[in-house]
Amino acid sequence: MSMTHPFDTDTTYELLADGNVRVSREGKAGIFTGEGIYVSGDIREADPQVCNWVNNVPNPDTQQSVSRIAGRDDAGAKLVSHLS
């Protein structure tokens, strides 16, 4: 998964296989933890919130329950009909 920073569209945050986040901008890059802590590279500062967003991708094989949003699945439909 990767995303561009919402306020700095020249900066890209990319999830690496080891769980760290690669931040790249203007041909330079830096590696950060999912909490935004610097690990290595030319870029030494990153937005910790964006690092967390990129790093927080649930693994469906280890997720203990299915995420539900009211109104977007069967349980939400039951809840909505109950409240009507």
PDB file of N, CA and C in Angstrom:
ATOM      1  N   MET A   1       0.837  -1.169   0.000  1.00  0.00           N
ATOM      2  CA  MET A   1       0.000   0.000   0.000  1.00  0.00           C
ATOM      3  C   MET A   1       0.885   1.237   0.000  1.00  0.00           C
ATOM      4  N   SER A   2       0.437   2.260  -0.691  1.00  0.00           N
ATOM      5  CA  SER A   2       1.152   3.523  -0.665  1.00  0.00           C
ATOM      6  C   SER A   2       0.157   4.663  -0.793  1.00  0.00           C
ATOM      7  N   MET A   3       0.581   5.831  -0.356  1.00  0.00           N
ATOM      8  CA  MET A   3      -0.275   7.010  -0.481  1.00  0.00           C
ATOM      9  C   MET A   3       0.584   8.256  -0.529  1.00  0.00           C
ATOM     10  N   THR A   4       0.021   9.288  -1.108  1.00  0.00           N
ATOM     11  CA  THR A   4       0.660  10.593  -1.135  1.00  0.00           C
ATOM     12  C   THR A   4       0.184  11.374   0.084  1.00  0.00           C
ATOM     13  N   HIS A   5       1.089  12.135   0.670  1.00  0.00           N
ATOM     14  CA  HIS A   5       0.721  12.933   1.840  1.00  0.00           C
ATOM     15  C   HIS A   5      -0.356  13.936   1.436  1.00  0.00           C
ATOM     16  N   PRO A   6      -1.434  14.057   2.244  1.00  0.00           N
ATOM     17  CA  PRO A   6      -2.543  14.939   1.859  1.00  0.00           C
ATOM     18  C   PRO A   6      -2.176  16.421   1.768  1.00  0.00           C
ATOM     19  N   PHE A   7      -1.167  16.878   2.502  1.00  0.00           N
ATOM     20  CA  PHE A   7      -0.790  18.293   2.477  1.00  0.00           C
ATOM     21  C   PHE A   7       0.515  18.547   1.741  1.00  0.00           C
ATOM     22  N   ASP A   8       1.259  17.501   1.435  1.00  0.00           N
ATOM     23  CA  ASP A   8       2.530  17.617   0.716  1.00  0.00           C
ATOM     24  C   ASP A   8       2.513  16.578  -0.398  1.00  0.00           C
ATOM     25  N   THR A   9       1.904  16.934  -1.519  1.00  0.00           N
ATOM     26  CA  THR A   9       1.653  15.957  -2.589  1.00  0.00           C
ATOM     27  C   THR A   9       2.916  15.488  -3.295  1.00  0.00           C
ATOM     28  N   ASP A  10       4.066  16.052  -2.956  1.00  0.00           N
ATOM     29  CA  ASP A  10       5.332  15.582  -3.523  1.00  0.00           C
ATOM     30  C   ASP A  10       5.919  14.424  -2.722  1.00  0.00           C
ATOM     31  N   THR A  11       5.325  14.113  -1.581  1.00  0.00           N
ATOM     32  CA  THR A  11       5.854  13.071  -0.694  1.00  0.00           C
ATOM     33  C   THR A  11       4.962  11.832  -0.748  1.00  0.00           C
ATOM     34  N   THR A  12       5.602  10.669  -0.980  1.00  0.00           N
ATOM     35  CA  THR A  12       4.891   9.395  -1.047  1.00  0.00           C
ATOM     36  C   THR A  12       5.315   8.502   0.114  1.00  0.00           C
ATOM     37  N   TYR A  13       4.330   7.859   0.736  1.00  0.00           N
ATOM     38  CA  TYR A  13       4.545   6.915   1.837  1.00  0.00           C
ATOM     39  C   TYR A  13       4.172   5.534   1.332  1.00  0.00           C
ATOM     40  N   GLU A  14       5.103   4.582   1.432  1.00  0.00           N
ATOM     41  CA  GLU A  14       4.893   3.231   0.876  1.00  0.00           C
ATOM     42  C   GLU A  14       5.207   2.173   1.932  1.00  0.00           C
ATOM     43  N   LEU A  15       4.289   1.234   2.119  1.00  0.00           N
ATOM     44  CA  LEU A  15       4.498   0.140   3.065  1.00  0.00           C
ATOM     45  C   LEU A  15       5.459  -0.878   2.473  1.00  0.00           C
ATOM     46  N   LEU A  16       6.481  -1.221   3.229  1.00  0.00           N
ATOM     47  CA  LEU A  16       7.451  -2.229   2.793  1.00  0.00           C
ATOM     48  C   LEU A  16       7.077  -3.593   3.366  1.00  0.00           C
ATOM     49  N   ALA A  17       7.641  -4.648   2.784  1.00  0.00           N
ATOM     50  CA  ALA A  17       7.327  -6.014   3.204  1.00  0.00           C
ATOM     51  C   ALA A  17       7.670  -6.271   4.670  1.00  0.00           C
ATOM     52  N   ASP A  18       8.677  -5.573   5.199  1.00  0.00           N
ATOM     53  CA  ASP A  18       9.074  -5.791   6.596  1.00  0.00           C
ATOM     54  C   ASP A  18       8.246  -4.985   7.590  1.00  0.00           C
ATOM     55  N   GLY A  19       7.241  -4.225   7.091  1.00  0.00           N
ATOM     56  CA  GLY A  19       6.383  -3.451   7.968  1.00  0.00           C
ATOM     57  C   GLY A  19       6.824  -2.012   8.156  1.00  0.00           C
ATOM     58  N   ASN A  20       8.001  -1.663   7.668  1.00  0.00           N
ATOM     59  CA  ASN A  20       8.445  -0.277   7.739  1.00  0.00           C
ATOM     60  C   ASN A  20       7.818   0.523   6.604  1.00  0.00           C
ATOM     61  N   VAL A  21       7.980   1.830   6.651  1.00  0.00           N
ATOM     62  CA  VAL A  21       7.388   2.719   5.650  1.00  0.00           C
ATOM     63  C   VAL A  21       8.513   3.473   4.951  1.00  0.00           C
ATOM     64  N   ARG A  22       8.480   3.436   3.619  1.00  0.00           N
ATOM     65  CA  ARG A  22       9.461   4.181   2.807  1.00  0.00           C
ATOM     66  C   ARG A  22       8.824   5.504   2.428  1.00  0.00           C
ATOM     67  N   VAL A  23       9.496   6.603   2.770  1.00  0.00           N
ATOM     68  CA  VAL A  23       9.033   7.941   2.434  1.00  0.00           C
ATOM     69  C   VAL A  23       9.949   8.473   1.341  1.00  0.00           C
ATOM     70  N   SER A  24       9.370   8.887   0.216  1.00  0.00           N
ATOM     71  CA  SER A  24      10.186   9.397  -0.879  1.00  0.00           C
ATOM     72  C   SER A  24       9.689  10.760  -1.338  1.00  0.00           C
ATOM     73  N   ARG A  25      10.679  11.603  -1.712  1.00  0.00           N
ATOM     74  CA  ARG A  25      10.384  12.962  -2.169  1.00  0.00           C
ATOM     75  C   ARG A  25      11.591  13.470  -2.948  1.00  0.00           C
ATOM     76  N   GLU A  26      11.343  13.977  -4.143  1.00  0.00           N
ATOM     77  CA  GLU A  26      12.373  14.613  -4.966  1.00  0.00           C
ATOM     78  C   GLU A  26      13.619  13.739  -5.136  1.00  0.00           C
ATOM     79  N   GLY A  27      13.426  12.458  -5.405  1.00  0.00           N
ATOM     80  CA  GLY A  27      14.543  11.546  -5.639  1.00  0.00           C
ATOM     81  C   GLY A  27      15.253  11.054  -4.392  1.00  0.00           C
ATOM     82  N   LYS A  28      14.822  11.479  -3.232  1.00  0.00           N
ATOM     83  CA  LYS A  28      15.423  11.022  -1.976  1.00  0.00           C
ATOM     84  C   LYS A  28      14.420  10.139  -1.260  1.00  0.00           C
ATOM     85  N   ALA A  29      14.931   9.319  -0.320  1.00  0.00           N
ATOM     86  CA  ALA A  29      14.046   8.403   0.415  1.00  0.00           C
ATOM     87  C   ALA A  29      14.553   8.208   1.833  1.00  0.00           C
ATOM     88  N   GLY A  30      13.640   7.817   2.699  1.00  0.00           N
ATOM     89  CA  GLY A  30      13.965   7.473   4.076  1.00  0.00           C
ATOM     90  C   GLY A  30      13.069   6.338   4.526  1.00  0.00           C
ATOM     91  N   ILE A  31      13.548   5.547   5.464  1.00  0.00           N
ATOM     92  CA  ILE A  31      12.786   4.425   6.008  1.00  0.00           C
ATOM     93  C   ILE A  31      12.404   4.768   7.443  1.00  0.00           C
ATOM     94  N   PHE A  32      11.120   4.512   7.776  1.00  0.00           N
ATOM     95  CA  PHE A  32      10.580   4.833   9.091  1.00  0.00           C
ATOM     96  C   PHE A  32       9.763   3.657   9.606  1.00  0.00           C
ATOM     97  N   THR A  33       9.611   3.588  10.914  1.00  0.00           N
ATOM     98  CA  THR A  33       8.728   2.580  11.496  1.00  0.00           C
ATOM     99  C   THR A  33       7.291   3.018  11.250  1.00  0.00           C
ATOM    100  N   GLY A  34       6.339   2.152  11.588  1.00  0.00           N
ATOM    101  CA  GLY A  34       4.935   2.490  11.467  1.00  0.00           C
ATOM    102  C   GLY A  34       4.509   3.617  12.391  1.00  0.00           C
ATOM    103  N   GLU A  35       5.362   3.946  13.353  1.00  0.00           N
ATOM    104  CA  GLU A  35       5.095   5.058  14.262  1.00  0.00           C
ATOM    105  C   GLU A  35       5.782   6.337  13.818  1.00  0.00           C
ATOM    106  N   GLY A  36       6.505   6.281  12.690  1.00  0.00           N
ATOM    107  CA  GLY A  36       7.183   7.466  12.169  1.00  0.00           C
ATOM    108  C   GLY A  36       8.568   7.703  12.729  1.00  0.00           C
ATOM    109  N   ILE A  37       9.156   6.695  13.354  1.00  0.00           N
ATOM    110  CA  ILE A  37      10.509   6.819  13.909  1.00  0.00           C
ATOM    111  C   ILE A  37      11.524   6.525  12.806  1.00  0.00           C
ATOM    112  N   TYR A  38      12.492   7.417  12.641  1.00  0.00           N
ATOM    113  CA  TYR A  38      13.520   7.296  11.609  1.00  0.00           C
ATOM    114  C   TYR A  38      14.338   6.016  11.778  1.00  0.00           C
ATOM    115  N   VAL A  39      14.553   5.311  10.664  1.00  0.00           N
ATOM    116  CA  VAL A  39      15.390   4.110  10.660  1.00  0.00           C
ATOM    117  C   VAL A  39      16.649   4.355   9.836  1.00  0.00           C
ATOM    118  N   SER A  40      16.488   4.831   8.586  1.00  0.00           N
ATOM    119  CA  SER A  40      17.637   5.071   7.717  1.00  0.00           C
ATOM    120  C   SER A  40      17.230   5.921   6.521  1.00  0.00           C
ATOM    121  N   GLY A  41      18.241   6.390   5.780  1.00  0.00           N
ATOM    122  CA  GLY A  41      17.989   7.102   4.537  1.00  0.00           C
ATOM    123  C   GLY A  41      18.246   8.592   4.603  1.00  0.00           C
ATOM    124  N   ASP A  42      18.062   9.241   3.434  1.00  0.00           N
ATOM    125  CA  ASP A  42      18.328  10.673   3.307  1.00  0.00           C
ATOM    126  C   ASP A  42      17.243  11.536   3.960  1.00  0.00           C
ATOM    127  N   ILE A  43      16.001  11.119   3.862  1.00  0.00           N
ATOM    128  CA  ILE A  43      14.916  11.860   4.489  1.00  0.00           C
ATOM    129  C   ILE A  43      14.841  11.430   5.955  1.00  0.00           C
ATOM    130  N   ARG A  44      14.934  12.395   6.843  1.00  0.00           N
ATOM    131  CA  ARG A  44      15.005  12.077   8.273  1.00  0.00           C
ATOM    132  C   ARG A  44      13.759  12.478   9.051  1.00  0.00           C
ATOM    133  N   GLU A  45      12.770  13.087   8.371  1.00  0.00           N
ATOM    134  CA  GLU A  45      11.535  13.478   9.042  1.00  0.00           C
ATOM    135  C   GLU A  45      10.340  12.965   8.243  1.00  0.00           C
ATOM    136  N   ALA A  46       9.337  12.463   8.953  1.00  0.00           N
ATOM    137  CA  ALA A  46       8.121  11.965   8.307  1.00  0.00           C
ATOM    138  C   ALA A  46       6.930  12.273   9.207  1.00  0.00           C
ATOM    139  N   ASP A  47       5.765  12.302   8.615  1.00  0.00           N
ATOM    140  CA  ASP A  47       4.539  12.523   9.374  1.00  0.00           C
ATOM    141  C   ASP A  47       4.170  11.197  10.058  1.00  0.00           C
ATOM    142  N   PRO A  48       4.235  11.132  11.389  1.00  0.00           N
ATOM    143  CA  PRO A  48       3.968   9.868  12.075  1.00  0.00           C
ATOM    144  C   PRO A  48       2.541   9.364  11.856  1.00  0.00           C
ATOM    145  N   GLN A  49       1.576  10.277  11.690  1.00  0.00           N
ATOM    146  CA  GLN A  49       0.194   9.859  11.480  1.00  0.00           C
ATOM    147  C   GLN A  49       0.049   9.158  10.131  1.00  0.00           C
ATOM    148  N   VAL A  50       0.686   9.682   9.092  1.00  0.00           N
ATOM    149  CA  VAL A  50       0.603   9.047   7.773  1.00  0.00           C
ATOM    150  C   VAL A  50       1.345   7.711   7.793  1.00  0.00           C
ATOM    151  N   CYS A  51       2.486   7.645   8.477  1.00  0.00           N
ATOM    152  CA  CYS A  51       3.191   6.355   8.619  1.00  0.00           C
ATOM    153  C   CYS A  51       2.275   5.328   9.263  1.00  0.00           C
ATOM    154  N   ASN A  52       1.534   5.748  10.281  1.00  0.00           N
ATOM    155  CA  ASN A  52       0.613   4.839  10.959  1.00  0.00           C
ATOM    156  C   ASN A  52      -0.517   4.410  10.044  1.00  0.00           C
ATOM    157  N   TRP A  53      -1.080   5.337   9.273  1.00  0.00           N
ATOM    158  CA  TRP A  53      -2.157   4.984   8.341  1.00  0.00           C
ATOM    159  C   TRP A  53      -1.696   3.957   7.323  1.00  0.00           C
ATOM    160  N   VAL A  54      -0.496   4.166   6.763  1.00  0.00           N
ATOM    161  CA  VAL A  54       0.028   3.257   5.737  1.00  0.00           C
ATOM    162  C   VAL A  54       0.341   1.895   6.355  1.00  0.00           C
ATOM    163  N   ASN A  55       0.854   1.907   7.575  1.00  0.00           N
ATOM    164  CA  ASN A  55       1.261   0.670   8.240  1.00  0.00           C
ATOM    165  C   ASN A  55       0.085  -0.121   8.806  1.00  0.00           C
ATOM    166  N   ASN A  56      -1.052   0.512   9.016  1.00  0.00           N
ATOM    167  CA  ASN A  56      -2.176  -0.127   9.679  1.00  0.00           C
ATOM    168  C   ASN A  56      -3.103  -0.821   8.684  1.00  0.00           C
ATOM    169  N   VAL A  57      -2.595  -1.838   8.020  1.00  0.00           N
ATOM    170  CA  VAL A  57      -3.386  -2.618   7.069  1.00  0.00           C
ATOM    171  C   VAL A  57      -3.612  -3.988   7.696  1.00  0.00           C
ATOM    172  N   PRO A  58      -4.845  -4.284   8.117  1.00  0.00           N
ATOM    173  CA  PRO A  58      -5.096  -5.566   8.775  1.00  0.00           C
ATOM    174  C   PRO A  58      -4.875  -6.756   7.840  1.00  0.00           C
ATOM    175  N   ASN A  59      -4.300  -7.799   8.376  1.00  0.00           N
ATOM    176  CA  ASN A  59      -4.110  -9.037   7.638  1.00  0.00           C
ATOM    177  C   ASN A  59      -5.377  -9.876   7.818  1.00  0.00           C
ATOM    178  N   PRO A  60      -6.131 -10.158   6.744  1.00  0.00           N
ATOM    179  CA  PRO A  60      -7.381 -10.896   6.894  1.00  0.00           C
ATOM    180  C   PRO A  60      -7.206 -12.284   7.513  1.00  0.00           C
ATOM    181  N   ASP A  61      -6.013 -12.885   7.361  1.00  0.00           N
ATOM    182  CA  ASP A  61      -5.777 -14.218   7.922  1.00  0.00           C
ATOM    183  C   ASP A  61      -5.631 -14.184   9.445  1.00  0.00           C
ATOM    184  N   THR A  62      -5.217 -13.049  10.000  1.00  0.00           N
ATOM    185  CA  THR A  62      -5.009 -12.970  11.447  1.00  0.00           C
ATOM    186  C   THR A  62      -6.030 -12.067  12.136  1.00  0.00           C
ATOM    187  N   GLN A  63      -6.879 -11.415  11.377  1.00  0.00           N
ATOM    188  CA  GLN A  63      -7.897 -10.541  11.960  1.00  0.00           C
ATOM    189  C   GLN A  63      -8.944 -11.402  12.663  1.00  0.00           C
ATOM    190  N   GLN A  64      -9.262 -11.075  13.908  1.00  0.00           N
ATOM    191  CA  GLN A  64     -10.146 -11.924  14.693  1.00  0.00           C
ATOM    192  C   GLN A  64     -11.618 -11.728  14.367  1.00  0.00           C
ATOM    193  N   SER A  65     -11.995 -10.590  13.816  1.00  0.00           N
ATOM    194  CA  SER A  65     -13.393 -10.382  13.443  1.00  0.00           C
ATOM    195  C   SER A  65     -13.448  -9.522  12.186  1.00  0.00           C
ATOM    196  N   VAL A  66     -14.568  -9.588  11.519  1.00  0.00           N
ATOM    197  CA  VAL A  66     -14.761  -8.805  10.309  1.00  0.00           C
ATOM    198  C   VAL A  66     -15.165  -7.395  10.720  1.00  0.00           C
ATOM    199  N   SER A  67     -14.518  -6.419  10.131  1.00  0.00           N
ATOM    200  CA  SER A  67     -14.872  -5.037  10.405  1.00  0.00           C
ATOM    201  C   SER A  67     -16.223  -4.736   9.786  1.00  0.00           C
ATOM    202  N   ARG A  68     -17.110  -4.086  10.556  1.00  0.00           N
ATOM    203  CA  ARG A  68     -18.442  -3.773  10.041  1.00  0.00           C
ATOM    204  C   ARG A  68     -18.707  -2.283  10.168  1.00  0.00           C
ATOM    205  N   ILE A  69     -19.284  -1.732   9.140  1.00  0.00           N
ATOM    206  CA  ILE A  69     -19.710  -0.341   9.159  1.00  0.00           C
ATOM    207  C   ILE A  69     -21.221  -0.351   9.012  1.00  0.00           C
ATOM    208  N   ALA A  70     -21.920   0.253   9.944  1.00  0.00           N
ATOM    209  CA  ALA A  70     -23.385   0.248   9.922  1.00  0.00           C
ATOM    210  C   ALA A  70     -23.898   0.724   8.575  1.00  0.00           C
ATOM    211  N   GLY A  71     -24.821  -0.054   8.024  1.00  0.00           N
ATOM    212  CA  GLY A  71     -25.415   0.302   6.747  1.00  0.00           C
ATOM    213  C   GLY A  71     -24.681  -0.238   5.547  1.00  0.00           C
ATOM    214  N   ARG A  72     -23.520  -0.873   5.751  1.00  0.00           N
ATOM    215  CA  ARG A  72     -22.756  -1.383   4.616  1.00  0.00           C
ATOM    216  C   ARG A  72     -22.631  -2.899   4.615  1.00  0.00           C
ATOM    217  N   ASP A  73     -23.284  -3.575   5.524  1.00  0.00           N
ATOM    218  CA  ASP A  73     -23.278  -5.032   5.550  1.00  0.00           C
ATOM    219  C   ASP A  73     -24.607  -5.516   6.140  1.00  0.00           C
ATOM    220  N   ASP A  74     -24.790  -6.811   6.263  1.00  0.00           N
ATOM    221  CA  ASP A  74     -26.046  -7.367   6.775  1.00  0.00           C
ATOM    222  C   ASP A  74     -26.340  -6.901   8.202  1.00  0.00           C
ATOM    223  N   ALA A  75     -25.320  -6.862   9.056  1.00  0.00           N
ATOM    224  CA  ALA A  75     -25.546  -6.445  10.439  1.00  0.00           C
ATOM    225  C   ALA A  75     -26.010  -4.994  10.488  1.00  0.00           C
ATOM    226  N   GLY A  76     -25.434  -4.168   9.647  1.00  0.00           N
ATOM    227  CA  GLY A  76     -25.853  -2.772   9.592  1.00  0.00           C
ATOM    228  C   GLY A  76     -27.275  -2.641   9.095  1.00  0.00           C
ATOM    229  N   ALA A  77     -27.658  -3.465   8.131  1.00  0.00           N
ATOM    230  CA  ALA A  77     -29.035  -3.418   7.602  1.00  0.00           C
ATOM    231  C   ALA A  77     -30.025  -3.809   8.689  1.00  0.00           C
ATOM    232  N   LYS A  78     -29.681  -4.820   9.486  1.00  0.00           N
ATOM    233  CA  LYS A  78     -30.545  -5.237  10.591  1.00  0.00           C
ATOM    234  C   LYS A  78     -30.668  -4.107  11.617  1.00  0.00           C
ATOM    235  N   LEU A  79     -29.557  -3.447  11.908  1.00  0.00           N
ATOM    236  CA  LEU A  79     -29.576  -2.362  12.872  1.00  0.00           C
ATOM    237  C   LEU A  79     -30.446  -1.220  12.357  1.00  0.00           C
ATOM    238  N   VAL A  80     -30.295  -0.870  11.098  1.00  0.00           N
ATOM    239  CA  VAL A  80     -31.072   0.218  10.518  1.00  0.00           C
ATOM    240  C   VAL A  80     -32.559  -0.131  10.519  1.00  0.00           C
ATOM    241  N   SER A  81     -32.907  -1.381  10.154  1.00  0.00           N
ATOM    242  CA  SER A  81     -34.324  -1.757  10.138  1.00  0.00           C
ATOM    243  C   SER A  81     -34.901  -1.786  11.558  1.00  0.00           C
ATOM    244  N   HIS A  82     -34.093  -2.127  12.528  1.00  0.00           N
ATOM    245  CA  HIS A  82     -34.533  -2.153  13.916  1.00  0.00           C
ATOM    246  C   HIS A  82     -34.853  -0.744  14.425  1.00  0.00           C
ATOM    247  N   LEU A  83     -34.094   0.233  13.946  1.00  0.00           N
ATOM    248  CA  LEU A  83     -34.273   1.602  14.414  1.00  0.00           C
ATOM    249  C   LEU A  83     -35.419   2.317  13.680  1.00  0.00           C
ATOM    250  N   SER A  84     -35.864   1.788  12.573  1.00  0.00           N
ATOM    251  CA  SER A  84     -36.912   2.467  11.776  1.00  0.00           C
ATOM    252  C   SER A  84     -38.262   2.422  12.444  1.00  0.00           C
TER     253      SER A  84
END
